[in-house]
Protein backbone atom coordinates (compact mmCIF):
# COMPACT_ATOMS: atom_id res chain seq x y z
CA MET A 1 110.07 135.47 163.20
CA GLU A 2 107.28 135.06 160.78
CA VAL A 3 105.28 138.17 160.17
CA SER A 4 101.48 137.78 159.81
CA LEU A 5 100.74 138.96 156.25
CA PRO A 6 97.27 140.14 155.32
CA LYS A 7 95.46 137.84 152.64
CA GLY A 8 94.43 139.20 149.17
CA PRO A 9 91.18 138.59 147.44
CA ASN A 10 92.45 135.12 146.30
CA GLY A 11 93.81 134.21 149.72
CA GLU A 12 97.34 134.98 148.72
CA ARG A 13 99.61 136.43 151.50
CA ARG A 14 100.50 140.16 150.70
CA PRO A 15 102.76 142.58 152.66
CA GLY A 16 101.03 145.05 154.80
CA ASP A 17 103.14 148.06 153.89
CA VAL A 18 105.99 149.39 151.74
CA ILE A 19 108.76 148.04 154.15
CA ASP A 20 107.18 144.52 154.50
CA ALA A 21 106.95 144.66 150.57
CA ALA A 22 110.63 145.41 150.15
CA VAL A 23 111.66 142.73 152.72
CA MET A 24 109.56 140.07 150.74
CA VAL A 25 111.22 141.12 147.54
CA MET A 26 114.59 140.81 149.09
CA LYS A 27 113.76 137.39 150.33
CA ILE A 28 112.55 136.11 146.96
CA ALA A 29 115.69 137.48 145.37
CA THR A 30 117.93 135.74 147.62
CA GLY A 31 115.94 132.55 147.62
CA GLU A 32 114.89 132.53 151.22
CA MET A 33 111.38 132.75 150.16
CA GLU A 34 109.63 131.23 147.09
CA ASP A 35 107.58 133.70 144.81
CA ASN A 36 104.17 131.88 145.03
CA ARG A 37 102.26 134.19 142.41
CA LYS A 38 100.71 132.49 139.40
CA SER A 39 102.50 133.95 136.48
CA GLY A 40 100.26 134.60 133.32
CA ARG A 41 97.13 134.60 135.44
CA THR A 42 96.29 138.35 134.67
CA ARG A 43 96.02 139.77 131.29
CA SER A 44 96.25 143.17 129.84
CA GLY A 45 93.12 144.78 128.71
CA ARG A 46 93.92 144.30 125.12
CA ALA A 47 94.83 140.48 125.55
CA ALA A 48 91.67 139.92 127.52
CA ALA A 49 89.58 141.69 124.93
CA LYS A 50 91.17 139.53 122.19
CA ALA A 51 90.41 136.32 124.17
CA ARG A 52 86.84 137.26 124.76
CA ARG A 53 86.29 138.16 121.16
CA GLU A 54 87.65 134.77 120.12
CA SER A 55 85.54 132.87 122.50
CA LEU A 56 82.19 134.54 121.66
CA THR A 57 79.99 133.55 118.73
CA GLY A 58 78.94 136.18 116.22
CA ASP A 59 75.43 136.21 117.69
CA GLU A 60 76.88 136.70 121.22
CA ARG A 61 79.01 139.63 120.09
CA SER A 62 75.67 141.24 118.26
CA ALA A 63 73.67 140.96 121.30
CA ILE A 64 76.30 142.71 123.52
CA ALA A 65 76.76 145.44 120.81
CA ARG A 66 72.92 145.78 120.74
CA LYS A 67 72.77 145.98 124.46
CA ALA A 68 75.42 148.67 124.50
CA ALA A 69 73.81 150.76 121.77
CA SER A 70 70.52 150.70 123.56
CA ALA A 71 72.16 151.79 126.81
CA ARG A 72 73.95 154.59 125.05
CA TRP A 73 71.12 155.83 122.98
CA GLY A 74 68.30 154.55 125.08
């Protein structure tokens, strides 16, 4: 019997409650179901900040800082 699971924001299937989540974890652990999450997709705040800092130019960082300062001290 396949249970209809709610969908997450990216269309992934999620368990509806704690018991369904436990059953899903058990099925993944026993190999009955495949874990379809994309590993490494999400980053911690520090890693995301570092990646953003490395991708921005100095002028872009200055503009962001200027906008933040004006909002703070406006």
